[in-house]
Amino acid sequence: MAKRLIPSLNRVLIEKILPPTKTNTGILLPDKVAKLNSGKVVAVGPGARDRAGNLIPVSVKEGDNVLLPEFGGTQVKLGEKEFILYRDEDILGTLHD
């Protein structure tokens, strides 16, 4: 069983951020609350190469919070955790506080 996955080329390994199901005071939140499809970058590949052989680095780094498309990516299960593998260009943007 692999303990660590290092993506190849321009792929990014994402752990989805699940929205809370209840508030700090214990109030249950409905399932239909608008959810932001976001995740945390766990690992990034080295980047892709262009036709001339130059390395094009990945635009995100480990620890970034990113906005994800509603569909896409490849499901990956490592141990008990589930991750999603995206190409760098499929990530919609980074989220900042």
PDB file of N, CA and C in Angstrom:
ATOM      1  N   MET A   1       0.847  -1.189   0.000  1.00  0.00           N
ATOM      2  CA  MET A   1       0.000   0.000   0.000  1.00  0.00           C
ATOM      3  C   MET A   1       0.884   1.241   0.000  1.00  0.00           C
ATOM      4  N   ALA A   2       0.610   2.140  -0.913  1.00  0.00           N
ATOM      5  CA  ALA A   2       1.390   3.377  -1.021  1.00  0.00           C
ATOM      6  C   ALA A   2       1.021   4.332   0.109  1.00  0.00           C
ATOM      7  N   LYS A   3       2.019   4.913   0.719  1.00  0.00           N
ATOM      8  CA  LYS A   3       1.791   5.898   1.779  1.00  0.00           C
ATOM      9  C   LYS A   3       1.747   7.308   1.206  1.00  0.00           C
ATOM     10  N   ARG A   4       2.448   7.516   0.094  1.00  0.00           N
ATOM     11  CA  ARG A   4       2.541   8.848  -0.510  1.00  0.00           C
ATOM     12  C   ARG A   4       2.477   8.703  -2.017  1.00  0.00           C
ATOM     13  N   LEU A   5       1.669   9.531  -2.635  1.00  0.00           N
ATOM     14  CA  LEU A   5       1.542   9.523  -4.094  1.00  0.00           C
ATOM     15  C   LEU A   5       2.100  10.833  -4.624  1.00  0.00           C
ATOM     16  N   ILE A   6       3.045  10.742  -5.532  1.00  0.00           N
ATOM     17  CA  ILE A   6       3.581  11.929  -6.203  1.00  0.00           C
ATOM     18  C   ILE A   6       3.031  11.915  -7.619  1.00  0.00           C
ATOM     19  N   PRO A   7       2.169  12.880  -7.960  1.00  0.00           N
ATOM     20  CA  PRO A   7       1.569  12.900  -9.294  1.00  0.00           C
ATOM     21  C   PRO A   7       2.614  13.084 -10.384  1.00  0.00           C
ATOM     22  N   SER A   8       2.299  12.588 -11.561  1.00  0.00           N
ATOM     23  CA  SER A   8       3.202  12.757 -12.696  1.00  0.00           C
ATOM     24  C   SER A   8       2.794  13.977 -13.512  1.00  0.00           C
ATOM     25  N   LEU A   9       3.753  14.507 -14.239  1.00  0.00           N
ATOM     26  CA  LEU A   9       3.563  15.655 -15.138  1.00  0.00           C
ATOM     27  C   LEU A   9       2.877  16.816 -14.441  1.00  0.00           C
ATOM     28  N   ASN A  10       1.769  17.310 -15.011  1.00  0.00           N
ATOM     29  CA  ASN A  10       1.105  18.501 -14.470  1.00  0.00           C
ATOM     30  C   ASN A  10      -0.129  18.153 -13.655  1.00  0.00           C
ATOM     31  N   ARG A  11      -0.120  17.014 -13.005  1.00  0.00           N
ATOM     32  CA  ARG A  11      -1.279  16.595 -12.219  1.00  0.00           C
ATOM     33  C   ARG A  11      -1.145  17.043 -10.768  1.00  0.00           C
ATOM     34  N   VAL A  12      -2.312  17.236 -10.134  1.00  0.00           N
ATOM     35  CA  VAL A  12      -2.373  17.746  -8.769  1.00  0.00           C
ATOM     36  C   VAL A  12      -3.291  16.836  -7.963  1.00  0.00           C
ATOM     37  N   LEU A  13      -2.840  16.385  -6.785  1.00  0.00           N
ATOM     38  CA  LEU A  13      -3.628  15.538  -5.901  1.00  0.00           C
ATOM     39  C   LEU A  13      -4.352  16.431  -4.903  1.00  0.00           C
ATOM     40  N   ILE A  14      -5.687  16.301  -4.858  1.00  0.00           N
ATOM     41  CA  ILE A  14      -6.540  17.177  -4.054  1.00  0.00           C
ATOM     42  C   ILE A  14      -7.304  16.359  -3.022  1.00  0.00           C
ATOM     43  N   GLU A  15      -7.398  16.888  -1.798  1.00  0.00           N
ATOM     44  CA  GLU A  15      -8.285  16.327  -0.776  1.00  0.00           C
ATOM     45  C   GLU A  15      -9.470  17.279  -0.664  1.00  0.00           C
ATOM     46  N   LYS A  16     -10.672  16.771  -0.932  1.00  0.00           N
ATOM     47  CA  LYS A  16     -11.866  17.631  -0.920  1.00  0.00           C
ATOM     48  C   LYS A  16     -12.115  18.151   0.494  1.00  0.00           C
ATOM     49  N   ILE A  17     -12.552  19.392   0.573  1.00  0.00           N
ATOM     50  CA  ILE A  17     -12.935  20.000   1.844  1.00  0.00           C
ATOM     51  C   ILE A  17     -14.436  19.813   1.988  1.00  0.00           C
ATOM     52  N   LEU A  18     -14.835  19.059   3.004  1.00  0.00           N
ATOM     53  CA  LEU A  18     -16.256  18.801   3.234  1.00  0.00           C
ATOM     54  C   LEU A  18     -16.828  19.917   4.105  1.00  0.00           C
ATOM     55  N   PRO A  19     -17.965  20.491   3.708  1.00  0.00           N
ATOM     56  CA  PRO A  19     -18.571  21.551   4.510  1.00  0.00           C
ATOM     57  C   PRO A  19     -19.102  20.982   5.825  1.00  0.00           C
ATOM     58  N   PRO A  20     -19.132  21.795   6.873  1.00  0.00           N
ATOM     59  CA  PRO A  20     -19.633  21.293   8.166  1.00  0.00           C
ATOM     60  C   PRO A  20     -21.113  20.944   8.090  1.00  0.00           C
ATOM     61  N   THR A  21     -21.506  19.927   8.843  1.00  0.00           N
ATOM     62  CA  THR A  21     -22.913  19.513   8.864  1.00  0.00           C
ATOM     63  C   THR A  21     -23.686  20.181   9.987  1.00  0.00           C
ATOM     64  N   LYS A  22     -22.967  20.785  10.956  1.00  0.00           N
ATOM     65  CA  LYS A  22     -23.632  21.556  11.999  1.00  0.00           C
ATOM     66  C   LYS A  22     -22.735  22.675  12.468  1.00  0.00           C
ATOM     67  N   THR A  23     -23.344  23.671  13.089  1.00  0.00           N
ATOM     68  CA  THR A  23     -22.604  24.837  13.565  1.00  0.00           C
ATOM     69  C   THR A  23     -21.899  24.513  14.875  1.00  0.00           C
ATOM     70  N   ASN A  24     -21.097  25.457  15.363  1.00  0.00           N
ATOM     71  CA  ASN A  24     -20.396  25.271  16.635  1.00  0.00           C
ATOM     72  C   ASN A  24     -21.359  25.130  17.803  1.00  0.00           C
ATOM     73  N   THR A  25     -22.553  25.702  17.682  1.00  0.00           N
ATOM     74  CA  THR A  25     -23.530  25.613  18.762  1.00  0.00           C
ATOM     75  C   THR A  25     -24.420  24.384  18.640  1.00  0.00           C
ATOM     76  N   GLY A  26     -24.230  23.569  17.601  1.00  0.00           N
ATOM     77  CA  GLY A  26     -24.967  22.319  17.478  1.00  0.00           C
ATOM     78  C   GLY A  26     -26.169  22.364  16.551  1.00  0.00           C
ATOM     79  N   ILE A  27     -26.388  23.471  15.851  1.00  0.00           N
ATOM     80  CA  ILE A  27     -27.525  23.563  14.933  1.00  0.00           C
ATOM     81  C   ILE A  27     -27.180  22.801  13.661  1.00  0.00           C
ATOM     82  N   LEU A  28     -28.040  21.874  13.269  1.00  0.00           N
ATOM     83  CA  LEU A  28     -27.819  21.086  12.060  1.00  0.00           C
ATOM     84  C   LEU A  28     -28.070  21.937  10.824  1.00  0.00           C
ATOM     85  N   LEU A  29     -27.179  21.846   9.861  1.00  0.00           N
ATOM     86  CA  LEU A  29     -27.319  22.595   8.609  1.00  0.00           C
ATOM     87  C   LEU A  29     -27.968  21.713   7.560  1.00  0.00           C
ATOM     88  N   PRO A  30     -28.868  22.265   6.739  1.00  0.00           N
ATOM     89  CA  PRO A  30     -29.507  21.454   5.696  1.00  0.00           C
ATOM     90  C   PRO A  30     -28.502  21.041   4.623  1.00  0.00           C
ATOM     91  N   ASP A  31     -28.778  19.921   3.970  1.00  0.00           N
ATOM     92  CA  ASP A  31     -27.898  19.415   2.911  1.00  0.00           C
ATOM     93  C   ASP A  31     -27.890  20.310   1.689  1.00  0.00           C
ATOM     94  N   LYS A  32     -28.937  21.093   1.512  1.00  0.00           N
ATOM     95  CA  LYS A  32     -29.071  21.881   0.290  1.00  0.00           C
ATOM     96  C   LYS A  32     -28.436  23.263   0.397  1.00  0.00           C
ATOM     97  N   VAL A  33     -27.640  23.496   1.437  1.00  0.00           N
ATOM     98  CA  VAL A  33     -26.933  24.766   1.551  1.00  0.00           C
ATOM     99  C   VAL A  33     -25.931  24.835   0.401  1.00  0.00           C
ATOM    100  N   ALA A  34     -25.812  26.003  -0.197  1.00  0.00           N
ATOM    101  CA  ALA A  34     -24.885  26.156  -1.328  1.00  0.00           C
ATOM    102  C   ALA A  34     -23.475  25.778  -0.885  1.00  0.00           C
ATOM    103  N   LYS A  35     -22.906  24.828  -1.576  1.00  0.00           N
ATOM    104  CA  LYS A  35     -21.574  24.340  -1.225  1.00  0.00           C
ATOM    105  C   LYS A  35     -20.557  24.877  -2.219  1.00  0.00           C
ATOM    106  N   LEU A  36     -19.429  25.275  -1.706  1.00  0.00           N
ATOM    107  CA  LEU A  36     -18.320  25.687  -2.552  1.00  0.00           C
ATOM    108  C   LEU A  36     -17.494  24.447  -2.819  1.00  0.00           C
ATOM    109  N   ASN A  37     -17.336  24.099  -4.076  1.00  0.00           N
ATOM    110  CA  ASN A  37     -16.602  22.897  -4.451  1.00  0.00           C
ATOM    111  C   ASN A  37     -15.111  23.206  -4.359  1.00  0.00           C
ATOM    112  N   SER A  38     -14.529  22.923  -3.195  1.00  0.00           N
ATOM    113  CA  SER A  38     -13.139  23.283  -2.970  1.00  0.00           C
ATOM    114  C   SER A  38     -12.360  22.116  -2.396  1.00  0.00           C
ATOM    115  N   GLY A  39     -11.050  22.258  -2.404  1.00  0.00           N
ATOM    116  CA  GLY A  39     -10.194  21.217  -1.868  1.00  0.00           C
ATOM    117  C   GLY A  39      -8.832  21.782  -1.510  1.00  0.00           C
ATOM    118  N   LYS A  40      -8.050  20.939  -0.834  1.00  0.00           N
ATOM    119  CA  LYS A  40      -6.702  21.317  -0.415  1.00  0.00           C
ATOM    120  C   LYS A  40      -5.696  20.509  -1.221  1.00  0.00           C
ATOM    121  N   VAL A  41      -4.689  21.183  -1.756  1.00  0.00           N
ATOM    122  CA  VAL A  41      -3.659  20.525  -2.552  1.00  0.00           C
ATOM    123  C   VAL A  41      -2.763  19.721  -1.615  1.00  0.00           C
ATOM    124  N   VAL A  42      -2.659  18.416  -1.883  1.00  0.00           N
ATOM    125  CA  VAL A  42      -1.856  17.520  -1.061  1.00  0.00           C
ATOM    126  C   VAL A  42      -0.489  17.283  -1.701  1.00  0.00           C
ATOM    127  N   ALA A  43      -0.459  17.137  -3.025  1.00  0.00           N
ATOM    128  CA  ALA A  43       0.799  16.890  -3.740  1.00  0.00           C
ATOM    129  C   ALA A  43       0.676  17.406  -5.163  1.00  0.00           C
ATOM    130  N   VAL A  44       1.794  17.821  -5.732  1.00  0.00           N
ATOM    131  CA  VAL A  44       1.818  18.301  -7.119  1.00  0.00           C
ATOM    132  C   VAL A  44       2.927  17.594  -7.891  1.00  0.00           C
ATOM    133  N   GLY A  45       2.687  17.441  -9.181  1.00  0.00           N
ATOM    134  CA  GLY A  45       3.707  16.866 -10.056  1.00  0.00           C
ATOM    135  C   GLY A  45       4.741  17.908 -10.429  1.00  0.00           C
ATOM    136  N   PRO A  46       5.799  17.513 -11.124  1.00  0.00           N
ATOM    137  CA  PRO A  46       6.862  18.452 -11.483  1.00  0.00           C
ATOM    138  C   PRO A  46       6.463  19.460 -12.557  1.00  0.00           C
ATOM    139  N   GLY A  47       5.444  19.138 -13.343  1.00  0.00           N
ATOM    140  CA  GLY A  47       5.022  20.026 -14.427  1.00  0.00           C
ATOM    141  C   GLY A  47       5.117  19.316 -15.761  1.00  0.00           C
ATOM    142  N   ALA A  48       4.557  19.928 -16.786  1.00  0.00           N
ATOM    143  CA  ALA A  48       4.572  19.355 -18.136  1.00  0.00           C
ATOM    144  C   ALA A  48       5.689  20.014 -18.947  1.00  0.00           C
ATOM    145  N   ARG A  49       5.965  19.459 -20.088  1.00  0.00           N
ATOM    146  CA  ARG A  49       6.975  20.028 -20.988  1.00  0.00           C
ATOM    147  C   ARG A  49       6.287  20.508 -22.264  1.00  0.00           C
ATOM    148  N   ASP A  50       6.767  21.638 -22.794  1.00  0.00           N
ATOM    149  CA  ASP A  50       6.231  22.127 -24.058  1.00  0.00           C
ATOM    150  C   ASP A  50       6.972  21.452 -25.218  1.00  0.00           C
ATOM    151  N   ARG A  51       6.649  21.844 -26.437  1.00  0.00           N
ATOM    152  CA  ARG A  51       7.254  21.207 -27.621  1.00  0.00           C
ATOM    153  C   ARG A  51       8.767  21.381 -27.685  1.00  0.00           C
ATOM    154  N   ALA A  52       9.266  22.461 -27.121  1.00  0.00           N
ATOM    155  CA  ALA A  52      10.708  22.711 -27.134  1.00  0.00           C
ATOM    156  C   ALA A  52      11.429  21.974 -26.003  1.00  0.00           C
ATOM    157  N   GLY A  53      10.677  21.330 -25.122  1.00  0.00           N
ATOM    158  CA  GLY A  53      11.279  20.592 -24.013  1.00  0.00           C
ATOM    159  C   GLY A  53      11.438  21.404 -22.748  1.00  0.00           C
ATOM    160  N   ASN A  54      10.921  22.637 -22.736  1.00  0.00           N
ATOM    161  CA  ASN A  54      11.008  23.479 -21.537  1.00  0.00           C
ATOM    162  C   ASN A  54       9.954  23.053 -20.525  1.00  0.00           C
ATOM    163  N   LEU A  55      10.324  23.062 -19.258  1.00  0.00           N
ATOM    164  CA  LEU A  55       9.409  22.667 -18.188  1.00  0.00           C
ATOM    165  C   LEU A  55       8.419  23.792 -17.893  1.00  0.00           C
ATOM    166  N   ILE A  56       7.135  23.461 -17.891  1.00  0.00           N
ATOM    167  CA  ILE A  56       6.081  24.401 -17.508  1.00  0.00           C
ATOM    168  C   ILE A  56       5.641  23.995 -16.113  1.00  0.00           C
ATOM    169  N   PRO A  57       5.992  24.777 -15.081  1.00  0.00           N
ATOM    170  CA  PRO A  57       5.686  24.367 -13.706  1.00  0.00           C
ATOM    171  C   PRO A  57       4.181  24.403 -13.419  1.00  0.00           C
ATOM    172  N   VAL A  58       3.782  23.656 -12.406  1.00  0.00           N
ATOM    173  CA  VAL A  58       2.386  23.626 -11.963  1.00  0.00           C
ATOM    174  C   VAL A  58       2.089  24.950 -11.268  1.00  0.00           C
ATOM    175  N   SER A  59       0.876  25.484 -11.444  1.00  0.00           N
ATOM    176  CA  SER A  59       0.541  26.817 -10.945  1.00  0.00           C
ATOM    177  C   SER A  59       0.140  26.848  -9.472  1.00  0.00           C
ATOM    178  N   VAL A  60      -0.065  25.691  -8.840  1.00  0.00           N
ATOM    179  CA  VAL A  60      -0.421  25.649  -7.415  1.00  0.00           C
ATOM    180  C   VAL A  60       0.680  24.923  -6.651  1.00  0.00           C
ATOM    181  N   LYS A  61       0.660  25.082  -5.331  1.00  0.00           N
ATOM    182  CA  LYS A  61       1.647  24.393  -4.500  1.00  0.00           C
ATOM    183  C   LYS A  61       0.934  23.660  -3.367  1.00  0.00           C
ATOM    184  N   GLU A  62       1.645  22.759  -2.711  1.00  0.00           N
ATOM    185  CA  GLU A  62       1.057  21.995  -1.609  1.00  0.00           C
ATOM    186  C   GLU A  62       0.549  22.935  -0.535  1.00  0.00           C
ATOM    187  N   GLY A  63      -0.640  22.632  -0.020  1.00  0.00           N
ATOM    188  CA  GLY A  63      -1.246  23.454   1.028  1.00  0.00           C
ATOM    189  C   GLY A  63      -2.224  24.498   0.519  1.00  0.00           C
ATOM    190  N   ASP A  64      -2.230  24.784  -0.790  1.00  0.00           N
ATOM    191  CA  ASP A  64      -3.166  25.763  -1.354  1.00  0.00           C
ATOM    192  C   ASP A  64      -4.592  25.235  -1.285  1.00  0.00           C
ATOM    193  N   ASN A  65      -5.543  26.133  -1.036  1.00  0.00           N
ATOM    194  CA  ASN A  65      -6.967  25.805  -1.159  1.00  0.00           C
ATOM    195  C   ASN A  65      -7.397  26.240  -2.549  1.00  0.00           C
ATOM    196  N   VAL A  66      -8.040  25.324  -3.277  1.00  0.00           N
ATOM    197  CA  VAL A  66      -8.371  25.594  -4.668  1.00  0.00           C
ATOM    198  C   VAL A  66      -9.851  25.387  -4.935  1.00  0.00           C
ATOM    199  N   LEU A  67     -10.339  26.073  -5.963  1.00  0.00           N
ATOM    200  CA  LEU A  67     -11.706  25.923  -6.440  1.00  0.00           C
ATOM    201  C   LEU A  67     -11.705  24.884  -7.545  1.00  0.00           C
ATOM    202  N   LEU A  68     -12.588  23.891  -7.430  1.00  0.00           N
ATOM    203  CA  LEU A  68     -12.594  22.751  -8.337  1.00  0.00           C
ATOM    204  C   LEU A  68     -13.822  22.764  -9.237  1.00  0.00           C
ATOM    205  N   PRO A  69     -13.713  22.158 -10.418  1.00  0.00           N
ATOM    206  CA  PRO A  69     -14.900  22.028 -11.267  1.00  0.00           C
ATOM    207  C   PRO A  69     -15.882  21.039 -10.634  1.00  0.00           C
ATOM    208  N   GLU A  70     -17.142  21.148 -11.020  1.00  0.00           N
ATOM    209  CA  GLU A  70     -18.161  20.271 -10.451  1.00  0.00           C
ATOM    210  C   GLU A  70     -17.936  18.816 -10.838  1.00  0.00           C
ATOM    211  N   PHE A  71     -17.475  18.587 -12.057  1.00  0.00           N
ATOM    212  CA  PHE A  71     -17.225  17.228 -12.534  1.00  0.00           C
ATOM    213  C   PHE A  71     -15.784  17.113 -12.985  1.00  0.00           C
ATOM    214  N   GLY A  72     -15.290  15.893 -13.048  1.00  0.00           N
ATOM    215  CA  GLY A  72     -13.942  15.663 -13.551  1.00  0.00           C
ATOM    216  C   GLY A  72     -13.033  15.100 -12.486  1.00  0.00           C
ATOM    217  N   GLY A  73     -11.801  14.888 -12.851  1.00  0.00           N
ATOM    218  CA  GLY A  73     -10.823  14.336 -11.936  1.00  0.00           C
ATOM    219  C   GLY A  73     -10.902  12.824 -11.871  1.00  0.00           C
ATOM    220  N   THR A  74      -9.896  12.221 -11.285  1.00  0.00           N
ATOM    221  CA  THR A  74      -9.822  10.780 -11.124  1.00  0.00           C
ATOM    222  C   THR A  74      -9.789  10.461  -9.642  1.00  0.00           C
ATOM    223  N   GLN A  75     -10.730   9.634  -9.191  1.00  0.00           N
ATOM    224  CA  GLN A  75     -10.800   9.245  -7.781  1.00  0.00           C
ATOM    225  C   GLN A  75      -9.623   8.338  -7.442  1.00  0.00           C
ATOM    226  N   VAL A  76      -8.951   8.620  -6.322  1.00  0.00           N
ATOM    227  CA  VAL A  76      -7.829   7.818  -5.846  1.00  0.00           C
ATOM    228  C   VAL A  76      -8.048   7.555  -4.360  1.00  0.00           C
ATOM    229  N   LYS A  77      -7.874   6.300  -3.943  1.00  0.00           N
ATOM    230  CA  LYS A  77      -8.020   5.958  -2.530  1.00  0.00           C
ATOM    231  C   LYS A  77      -6.671   5.469  -2.014  1.00  0.00           C
ATOM    232  N   LEU A  78      -6.152   6.160  -0.992  1.00  0.00           N
ATOM    233  CA  LEU A  78      -4.899   5.780  -0.351  1.00  0.00           C
ATOM    234  C   LEU A  78      -5.199   5.483   1.107  1.00  0.00           C
ATOM    235  N   GLY A  79      -5.119   4.232   1.478  1.00  0.00           N
ATOM    236  CA  GLY A  79      -5.486   3.845   2.837  1.00  0.00           C
ATOM    237  C   GLY A  79      -6.974   4.062   3.029  1.00  0.00           C
ATOM    238  N   GLU A  80      -7.337   4.816   4.033  1.00  0.00           N
ATOM    239  CA  GLU A  80      -8.747   5.109   4.304  1.00  0.00           C
ATOM    240  C   GLU A  80      -9.198   6.434   3.701  1.00  0.00           C
ATOM    241  N   LYS A  81      -8.267   7.234   3.195  1.00  0.00           N
ATOM    242  CA  LYS A  81      -8.613   8.550   2.661  1.00  0.00           C
ATOM    243  C   LYS A  81      -8.862   8.489   1.163  1.00  0.00           C
ATOM    244  N   GLU A  82      -9.768   9.348   0.703  1.00  0.00           N
ATOM    245  CA  GLU A  82     -10.060   9.461  -0.720  1.00  0.00           C
ATOM    246  C   GLU A  82      -9.577  10.815  -1.225  1.00  0.00           C
ATOM    247  N   PHE A  83      -8.960  10.798  -2.387  1.00  0.00           N
ATOM    248  CA  PHE A  83      -8.424  12.000  -3.016  1.00  0.00           C
ATOM    249  C   PHE A  83      -8.918  12.054  -4.452  1.00  0.00           C
ATOM    250  N   ILE A  84      -8.707  13.201  -5.096  1.00  0.00           N
ATOM    251  CA  ILE A  84      -9.051  13.361  -6.506  1.00  0.00           C
ATOM    252  C   ILE A  84      -7.816  13.913  -7.209  1.00  0.00           C
ATOM    253  N   LEU A  85      -7.507  13.345  -8.359  1.00  0.00           N
ATOM    254  CA  LEU A  85      -6.353  13.757  -9.150  1.00  0.00           C
ATOM    255  C   LEU A  85      -6.851  14.585 -10.329  1.00  0.00           C
ATOM    256  N   TYR A  86      -6.391  15.844 -10.420  1.00  0.00           N
ATOM    257  CA  TYR A  86      -6.775  16.763 -11.497  1.00  0.00           C
ATOM    258  C   TYR A  86      -5.542  17.172 -12.291  1.00  0.00           C
ATOM    259  N   ARG A  87      -5.759  17.571 -13.531  1.00  0.00           N
ATOM    260  CA  ARG A  87      -4.707  18.242 -14.291  1.00  0.00           C
ATOM    261  C   ARG A  87      -4.661  19.688 -13.804  1.00  0.00           C
ATOM    262  N   ASP A  88      -3.505  20.289 -13.895  1.00  0.00           N
ATOM    263  CA  ASP A  88      -3.323  21.664 -13.431  1.00  0.00           C
ATOM    264  C   ASP A  88      -4.297  22.622 -14.120  1.00  0.00           C
ATOM    265  N   GLU A  89      -4.500  22.461 -15.415  1.00  0.00           N
ATOM    266  CA  GLU A  89      -5.377  23.391 -16.139  1.00  0.00           C
ATOM    267  C   GLU A  89      -6.858  23.210 -15.814  1.00  0.00           C
ATOM    268  N   ASP A  90      -7.240  22.111 -15.144  1.00  0.00           N
ATOM    269  CA  ASP A  90      -8.636  21.889 -14.764  1.00  0.00           C
ATOM    270  C   ASP A  90      -9.014  22.633 -13.487  1.00  0.00           C
ATOM    271  N   ILE A  91      -8.034  23.028 -12.695  1.00  0.00           N
ATOM    272  CA  ILE A  91      -8.302  23.747 -11.444  1.00  0.00           C
ATOM    273  C   ILE A  91      -8.725  25.174 -11.794  1.00  0.00           C
ATOM    274  N   LEU A  92      -9.845  25.606 -11.216  1.00  0.00           N
ATOM    275  CA  LEU A  92     -10.436  26.891 -11.587  1.00  0.00           C
ATOM    276  C   LEU A  92      -9.738  28.088 -10.957  1.00  0.00           C
ATOM    277  N   GLY A  93      -9.160  27.926  -9.790  1.00  0.00           N
ATOM    278  CA  GLY A  93      -8.466  29.041  -9.133  1.00  0.00           C
ATOM    279  C   GLY A  93      -8.079  28.689  -7.720  1.00  0.00           C
ATOM    280  N   THR A  94      -7.362  29.600  -7.051  1.00  0.00           N
ATOM    281  CA  THR A  94      -6.986  29.396  -5.661  1.00  0.00           C
ATOM    282  C   THR A  94      -7.864  30.265  -4.772  1.00  0.00           C
ATOM    283  N   LEU A  95      -8.109  29.775  -3.571  1.00  0.00           N
ATOM    284  CA  LEU A  95      -8.941  30.505  -2.605  1.00  0.00           C
ATOM    285  C   LEU A  95      -8.042  31.062  -1.511  1.00  0.00           C
ATOM    286  N   HIS A  96      -8.229  32.342  -1.184  1.00  0.00           N
ATOM    287  CA  HIS A  96      -7.441  33.005  -0.130  1.00  0.00           C
ATOM    288  C   HIS A  96      -8.383  33.583   0.907  1.00  0.00           C
ATOM    289  N   ASP A  97      -7.938  33.617   2.164  1.00  0.00           N
ATOM    290  CA  ASP A  97      -8.752  34.211   3.245  1.00  0.00           C
ATOM    291  C   ASP A  97      -8.697  35.712   3.192  1.00  0.00           C
TER     292      ASP A  97
END
